[in-house]
N, C-alpha and C. Protein backbone atom coordinates (compact mmCIF):
# COMPACT_ATOMS: atom_id res chain seq x y z
N MET A 1 -25.54 -193.73 -18.73
CA MET A 1 -24.73 -194.91 -18.96
C MET A 1 -25.53 -195.84 -19.84
N SER A 2 -24.87 -196.49 -20.75
CA SER A 2 -25.54 -197.41 -21.64
C SER A 2 -24.65 -198.62 -21.85
N THR A 3 -25.20 -199.58 -22.58
CA THR A 3 -24.39 -200.74 -22.94
C THR A 3 -23.90 -200.55 -24.35
N ARG A 4 -22.80 -201.19 -24.68
CA ARG A 4 -22.25 -201.10 -26.04
C ARG A 4 -23.11 -201.91 -26.99
N GLY A 5 -23.02 -201.60 -28.25
CA GLY A 5 -23.75 -202.35 -29.25
C GLY A 5 -25.01 -201.63 -29.67
N ALA A 6 -25.80 -202.29 -30.48
CA ALA A 6 -27.00 -201.68 -31.03
C ALA A 6 -28.08 -201.49 -29.98
N GLU A 7 -28.14 -202.38 -29.02
CA GLU A 7 -29.19 -202.32 -28.01
C GLU A 7 -28.72 -201.55 -26.79
N ARG A 8 -29.53 -200.59 -26.37
CA ARG A 8 -29.22 -199.85 -25.15
C ARG A 8 -30.18 -200.29 -24.07
N ILE A 9 -29.66 -200.43 -22.88
CA ILE A 9 -30.47 -200.83 -21.75
C ILE A 9 -30.40 -199.73 -20.70
N GLU A 10 -31.56 -199.25 -20.31
CA GLU A 10 -31.60 -198.24 -19.27
C GLU A 10 -31.27 -198.89 -17.93
N LEU A 11 -30.36 -198.29 -17.21
CA LEU A 11 -30.00 -198.83 -15.90
C LEU A 11 -30.84 -198.16 -14.83
N LEU A 12 -31.04 -198.86 -13.75
CA LEU A 12 -31.82 -198.32 -12.65
C LEU A 12 -31.13 -197.09 -12.07
N GLN A 13 -31.94 -196.15 -11.63
CA GLN A 13 -31.39 -194.94 -11.03
C GLN A 13 -30.52 -195.34 -9.83
N GLY A 14 -29.38 -194.73 -9.72
CA GLY A 14 -28.48 -195.04 -8.62
C GLY A 14 -27.42 -196.06 -8.97
N THR A 15 -27.59 -196.76 -10.08
CA THR A 15 -26.61 -197.78 -10.46
C THR A 15 -25.26 -197.16 -10.75
N LEU A 16 -25.24 -196.06 -11.49
CA LEU A 16 -23.98 -195.40 -11.80
C LEU A 16 -23.31 -194.91 -10.52
N ASP A 17 -24.10 -194.37 -9.60
CA ASP A 17 -23.54 -193.92 -8.33
C ASP A 17 -22.83 -195.07 -7.62
N LEU A 18 -23.46 -196.22 -7.57
CA LEU A 18 -22.88 -197.40 -6.94
C LEU A 18 -21.57 -197.79 -7.63
N LEU A 19 -21.57 -197.79 -8.95
CA LEU A 19 -20.38 -198.18 -9.70
C LEU A 19 -19.24 -197.19 -9.49
N ILE A 20 -19.55 -195.92 -9.41
CA ILE A 20 -18.52 -194.90 -9.14
C ILE A 20 -17.94 -195.10 -7.75
N LEU A 21 -18.81 -195.28 -6.76
CA LEU A 21 -18.32 -195.49 -5.39
C LEU A 21 -17.41 -196.71 -5.31
N ARG A 22 -17.83 -197.78 -5.96
CA ARG A 22 -17.02 -199.02 -5.94
C ARG A 22 -15.68 -198.80 -6.63
N THR A 23 -15.68 -198.07 -7.74
CA THR A 23 -14.45 -197.78 -8.46
C THR A 23 -13.49 -196.96 -7.60
N LEU A 24 -14.03 -195.99 -6.88
CA LEU A 24 -13.18 -195.12 -6.05
C LEU A 24 -12.69 -195.82 -4.78
N LEU A 25 -13.26 -196.95 -4.47
CA LEU A 25 -12.77 -197.73 -3.32
C LEU A 25 -11.30 -198.13 -3.56
N LEU A 26 -10.93 -198.25 -4.82
CA LEU A 26 -9.56 -198.64 -5.19
C LEU A 26 -8.58 -197.48 -5.08
N GLY A 27 -9.08 -196.26 -4.92
CA GLY A 27 -8.22 -195.09 -4.81
C GLY A 27 -8.72 -193.96 -5.67
N PRO A 28 -8.15 -192.76 -5.48
CA PRO A 28 -8.59 -191.58 -6.25
C PRO A 28 -8.38 -191.77 -7.74
N ARG A 29 -9.31 -191.23 -8.53
CA ARG A 29 -9.22 -191.29 -9.99
C ARG A 29 -9.86 -190.05 -10.58
N HIS A 30 -9.42 -189.68 -11.77
CA HIS A 30 -10.08 -188.59 -12.48
C HIS A 30 -11.25 -189.17 -13.26
N GLY A 31 -12.11 -188.31 -13.78
CA GLY A 31 -13.35 -188.75 -14.42
C GLY A 31 -13.15 -189.75 -15.54
N HIS A 32 -12.22 -189.47 -16.43
CA HIS A 32 -11.99 -190.38 -17.56
C HIS A 32 -11.55 -191.76 -17.06
N ALA A 33 -10.70 -191.78 -16.05
CA ALA A 33 -10.23 -193.06 -15.49
C ALA A 33 -11.37 -193.83 -14.82
N ILE A 34 -12.30 -193.12 -14.20
CA ILE A 34 -13.46 -193.77 -13.60
C ILE A 34 -14.28 -194.45 -14.69
N ALA A 35 -14.57 -193.70 -15.75
CA ALA A 35 -15.37 -194.25 -16.86
C ALA A 35 -14.68 -195.46 -17.47
N LYS A 36 -13.38 -195.37 -17.72
CA LYS A 36 -12.64 -196.47 -18.35
C LYS A 36 -12.58 -197.68 -17.43
N SER A 37 -12.47 -197.47 -16.14
CA SER A 37 -12.44 -198.58 -15.19
C SER A 37 -13.76 -199.33 -15.18
N ILE A 38 -14.87 -198.60 -15.20
CA ILE A 38 -16.19 -199.23 -15.23
C ILE A 38 -16.34 -200.01 -16.53
N GLU A 39 -15.93 -199.42 -17.63
CA GLU A 39 -16.03 -200.11 -18.92
C GLU A 39 -15.18 -201.38 -18.91
N TYR A 40 -13.94 -201.27 -18.46
CA TYR A 40 -13.02 -202.42 -18.44
C TYR A 40 -13.55 -203.52 -17.52
N ASN A 41 -13.96 -203.15 -16.32
CA ASN A 41 -14.41 -204.16 -15.34
C ASN A 41 -15.76 -204.77 -15.69
N SER A 42 -16.49 -204.16 -16.62
CA SER A 42 -17.75 -204.75 -17.09
C SER A 42 -17.53 -205.51 -18.39
N ALA A 43 -16.28 -205.75 -18.74
CA ALA A 43 -15.93 -206.42 -20.01
C ALA A 43 -16.50 -205.64 -21.19
N ASP A 44 -16.43 -204.31 -21.10
CA ASP A 44 -16.91 -203.41 -22.14
C ASP A 44 -18.40 -203.52 -22.43
N VAL A 45 -19.17 -203.99 -21.46
CA VAL A 45 -20.62 -204.04 -21.63
C VAL A 45 -21.21 -202.67 -21.29
N LEU A 46 -20.68 -202.02 -20.27
CA LEU A 46 -21.20 -200.73 -19.84
C LEU A 46 -20.35 -199.60 -20.41
N LEU A 47 -20.99 -198.65 -21.04
CA LEU A 47 -20.33 -197.47 -21.58
C LEU A 47 -20.80 -196.28 -20.74
N VAL A 48 -19.86 -195.60 -20.10
CA VAL A 48 -20.20 -194.45 -19.26
C VAL A 48 -19.98 -193.19 -20.08
N GLU A 49 -21.05 -192.51 -20.37
CA GLU A 49 -20.98 -191.29 -21.17
C GLU A 49 -20.76 -190.08 -20.27
N GLN A 50 -20.03 -189.09 -20.78
CA GLN A 50 -19.75 -187.89 -20.00
C GLN A 50 -21.02 -187.21 -19.52
N GLY A 51 -22.06 -187.26 -20.32
CA GLY A 51 -23.32 -186.63 -19.96
C GLY A 51 -24.00 -187.28 -18.76
N SER A 52 -23.58 -188.50 -18.43
CA SER A 52 -24.09 -189.19 -17.24
C SER A 52 -23.07 -189.13 -16.10
N LEU A 53 -21.79 -189.26 -16.45
CA LEU A 53 -20.74 -189.35 -15.44
C LEU A 53 -20.63 -188.08 -14.60
N TYR A 54 -20.49 -186.95 -15.25
CA TYR A 54 -20.21 -185.73 -14.48
C TYR A 54 -21.39 -185.26 -13.63
N PRO A 55 -22.63 -185.37 -14.09
CA PRO A 55 -23.74 -185.08 -13.16
C PRO A 55 -23.74 -186.03 -11.95
N ALA A 56 -23.40 -187.30 -12.18
CA ALA A 56 -23.34 -188.25 -11.06
C ALA A 56 -22.23 -187.87 -10.09
N LEU A 57 -21.07 -187.48 -10.60
CA LEU A 57 -19.97 -187.06 -9.73
C LEU A 57 -20.37 -185.84 -8.91
N HIS A 58 -21.04 -184.87 -9.52
CA HIS A 58 -21.49 -183.68 -8.79
C HIS A 58 -22.51 -184.06 -7.72
N ARG A 59 -23.40 -184.98 -8.05
CA ARG A 59 -24.40 -185.44 -7.08
C ARG A 59 -23.71 -186.10 -5.88
N LEU A 60 -22.70 -186.91 -6.13
CA LEU A 60 -21.99 -187.60 -5.06
C LEU A 60 -21.19 -186.62 -4.20
N ILE A 61 -20.68 -185.57 -4.82
CA ILE A 61 -19.99 -184.51 -4.05
C ILE A 61 -20.99 -183.81 -3.14
N GLN A 62 -22.16 -183.47 -3.67
CA GLN A 62 -23.19 -182.80 -2.86
C GLN A 62 -23.62 -183.64 -1.67
N ARG A 63 -23.64 -184.94 -1.86
CA ARG A 63 -24.01 -185.85 -0.76
C ARG A 63 -22.85 -186.10 0.20
N ARG A 64 -21.68 -185.57 -0.16
CA ARG A 64 -20.45 -185.74 0.63
C ARG A 64 -19.97 -187.18 0.67
N TRP A 65 -20.28 -187.92 -0.39
CA TRP A 65 -19.81 -189.30 -0.50
C TRP A 65 -18.44 -189.35 -1.16
N ILE A 66 -18.13 -188.30 -1.94
CA ILE A 66 -16.81 -188.17 -2.56
C ILE A 66 -16.38 -186.71 -2.45
N VAL A 67 -15.09 -186.47 -2.63
CA VAL A 67 -14.55 -185.12 -2.73
C VAL A 67 -13.71 -185.04 -3.99
N ALA A 68 -13.56 -183.81 -4.50
CA ALA A 68 -12.75 -183.58 -5.70
C ALA A 68 -11.53 -182.76 -5.31
N GLU A 69 -10.38 -183.15 -5.84
CA GLU A 69 -9.14 -182.43 -5.59
C GLU A 69 -8.42 -182.23 -6.91
N GLU A 70 -7.78 -181.08 -7.07
CA GLU A 70 -7.01 -180.79 -8.29
C GLU A 70 -5.74 -181.63 -8.30
N GLY A 71 -5.36 -182.06 -9.49
CA GLY A 71 -4.15 -182.84 -9.62
C GLY A 71 -3.69 -182.87 -11.06
N THR A 72 -2.70 -183.70 -11.33
CA THR A 72 -2.16 -183.85 -12.68
C THR A 72 -2.36 -185.29 -13.12
N SER A 73 -2.92 -185.45 -14.31
CA SER A 73 -3.20 -186.79 -14.84
C SER A 73 -1.91 -187.45 -15.32
N GLU A 74 -2.03 -188.72 -15.71
CA GLU A 74 -0.87 -189.47 -16.17
C GLU A 74 -0.26 -188.89 -17.45
N ASN A 75 -1.04 -188.10 -18.21
CA ASN A 75 -0.48 -187.46 -19.40
C ASN A 75 -0.17 -185.98 -19.16
N ASN A 76 0.08 -185.64 -17.89
CA ASN A 76 0.55 -184.32 -17.47
C ASN A 76 -0.45 -183.19 -17.68
N ARG A 77 -1.73 -183.49 -17.61
CA ARG A 77 -2.77 -182.47 -17.73
C ARG A 77 -3.43 -182.25 -16.38
N ARG A 78 -3.91 -181.03 -16.19
CA ARG A 78 -4.67 -180.74 -14.97
C ARG A 78 -5.97 -181.53 -15.00
N ALA A 79 -6.32 -182.07 -13.87
CA ALA A 79 -7.56 -182.86 -13.79
C ALA A 79 -8.08 -182.82 -12.36
N LYS A 80 -9.39 -183.06 -12.24
CA LYS A 80 -9.98 -183.24 -10.91
C LYS A 80 -9.91 -184.72 -10.59
N PHE A 81 -9.41 -185.01 -9.41
CA PHE A 81 -9.36 -186.39 -8.93
C PHE A 81 -10.43 -186.54 -7.86
N TYR A 82 -11.20 -187.59 -7.97
CA TYR A 82 -12.30 -187.84 -7.05
C TYR A 82 -11.88 -188.93 -6.07
N ARG A 83 -12.22 -188.69 -4.81
CA ARG A 83 -11.82 -189.62 -3.75
C ARG A 83 -13.03 -189.93 -2.88
N LEU A 84 -13.13 -191.16 -2.47
CA LEU A 84 -14.20 -191.62 -1.58
C LEU A 84 -13.98 -191.05 -0.18
N THR A 85 -15.04 -190.59 0.46
CA THR A 85 -14.97 -190.13 1.84
C THR A 85 -15.37 -191.27 2.77
N ALA A 86 -15.20 -191.06 4.07
CA ALA A 86 -15.64 -192.07 5.04
C ALA A 86 -17.15 -192.29 4.91
N LYS A 87 -17.88 -191.21 4.73
CA LYS A 87 -19.34 -191.31 4.53
C LYS A 87 -19.64 -192.09 3.25
N GLY A 88 -18.85 -191.88 2.22
CA GLY A 88 -19.02 -192.60 0.96
C GLY A 88 -18.74 -194.08 1.11
N ARG A 89 -17.74 -194.43 1.92
CA ARG A 89 -17.45 -195.85 2.17
C ARG A 89 -18.63 -196.54 2.86
N ARG A 90 -19.20 -195.84 3.84
CA ARG A 90 -20.37 -196.40 4.53
C ARG A 90 -21.54 -196.54 3.55
N GLN A 91 -21.72 -195.52 2.71
CA GLN A 91 -22.83 -195.56 1.75
C GLN A 91 -22.63 -196.65 0.71
N LEU A 92 -21.39 -196.91 0.32
CA LEU A 92 -21.10 -197.99 -0.62
C LEU A 92 -21.60 -199.32 -0.05
N THR A 93 -21.35 -199.56 1.21
CA THR A 93 -21.82 -200.79 1.85
C THR A 93 -23.35 -200.87 1.81
N ILE A 94 -24.01 -199.77 2.10
CA ILE A 94 -25.48 -199.72 2.09
C ILE A 94 -26.00 -199.96 0.67
N GLU A 95 -25.45 -199.24 -0.31
CA GLU A 95 -25.91 -199.35 -1.69
C GLU A 95 -25.64 -200.74 -2.27
N ALA A 96 -24.49 -201.32 -1.93
CA ALA A 96 -24.18 -202.67 -2.41
C ALA A 96 -25.17 -203.68 -1.83
N GLY A 97 -25.55 -203.50 -0.58
CA GLY A 97 -26.54 -204.37 0.04
C GLY A 97 -27.89 -204.25 -0.64
N LYS A 98 -28.30 -203.03 -0.96
CA LYS A 98 -29.57 -202.82 -1.66
C LYS A 98 -29.53 -203.48 -3.03
N TRP A 99 -28.40 -203.31 -3.75
CA TRP A 99 -28.26 -203.90 -5.08
C TRP A 99 -28.33 -205.42 -5.00
N GLU A 100 -27.67 -206.00 -4.02
CA GLU A 100 -27.67 -207.46 -3.86
C GLU A 100 -29.08 -207.96 -3.59
N LYS A 101 -29.80 -207.27 -2.73
CA LYS A 101 -31.19 -207.66 -2.41
C LYS A 101 -32.07 -207.55 -3.66
N LEU A 102 -31.92 -206.47 -4.41
CA LEU A 102 -32.70 -206.28 -5.63
C LEU A 102 -32.38 -207.35 -6.66
N SER A 103 -31.09 -207.62 -6.88
CA SER A 103 -30.71 -208.60 -7.90
C SER A 103 -31.17 -210.01 -7.52
N GLN A 104 -31.15 -210.34 -6.24
CA GLN A 104 -31.66 -211.64 -5.80
C GLN A 104 -33.16 -211.75 -6.02
N ALA A 105 -33.88 -210.66 -5.76
CA ALA A 105 -35.33 -210.67 -5.97
C ALA A 105 -35.66 -210.85 -7.46
N ILE A 106 -34.94 -210.15 -8.32
CA ILE A 106 -35.16 -210.29 -9.76
C ILE A 106 -34.81 -211.69 -10.22
N ALA A 107 -33.72 -212.24 -9.70
CA ALA A 107 -33.31 -213.61 -10.07
C ALA A 107 -34.38 -214.62 -9.67
N ARG A 108 -35.02 -214.42 -8.51
CA ARG A 108 -36.08 -215.34 -8.08
C ARG A 108 -37.26 -215.30 -9.05
N ILE A 109 -37.54 -214.12 -9.60
CA ILE A 109 -38.65 -213.99 -10.54
C ILE A 109 -38.27 -214.59 -11.90
N LEU A 110 -37.06 -214.37 -12.34
CA LEU A 110 -36.62 -214.87 -13.64
C LEU A 110 -36.42 -216.38 -13.65
N LYS A 111 -36.02 -216.93 -12.52
CA LYS A 111 -35.80 -218.38 -12.42
C LYS A 111 -36.60 -218.92 -11.24
N PRO A 112 -37.90 -219.03 -11.44
CA PRO A 112 -38.78 -219.43 -10.34
C PRO A 112 -38.58 -220.90 -9.94
N THR A 113 -38.99 -221.20 -8.73
CA THR A 113 -38.93 -222.57 -8.24
C THR A 113 -40.18 -223.31 -8.70
N GLU A 114 -40.30 -224.54 -8.30
CA GLU A 114 -41.44 -225.37 -8.72
C GLU A 114 -42.77 -224.84 -8.19
N GLN A 115 -42.71 -224.04 -7.16
CA GLN A 115 -43.94 -223.54 -6.53
C GLN A 115 -44.33 -222.17 -7.06
N GLU A 116 -43.98 -221.87 -8.30
CA GLU A 116 -44.26 -220.56 -8.89
C GLU A 116 -45.75 -220.26 -8.85
N GLY A 117 -46.03 -219.02 -8.56
CA GLY A 117 -47.41 -218.56 -8.58
C GLY A 117 -48.15 -218.79 -7.27
N GLN A 118 -47.53 -219.48 -6.33
CA GLN A 118 -48.18 -219.70 -5.03
C GLN A 118 -47.73 -218.61 -4.06
N PRO A 119 -48.67 -218.02 -3.37
CA PRO A 119 -48.33 -216.95 -2.40
C PRO A 119 -47.56 -217.49 -1.22
């Protein structure tokens, strides 16, 4: 996954997994719809490339956080639809908590208080 534009930013490992889980919380989607949803909801800042998306989907299936089912897409083509499992819903809560804790810690470093540098 990368950001649009000339500058690419490497995302932390597991970030795409979290974004996929959150996207599937809204209901089953096929791979292309997952990628487009992440792009749309990030205001087109995040670009999900197939080379990152499908390995992540396979990883999430192996962990039993999602399942894949055959179906027909909105343009009448066969597609795999991915759905969040109960285990995946629980993991989404855990991963979102970890992300929140990490982002708060980074924010504290980027915008220090008056007592910066004191242990």
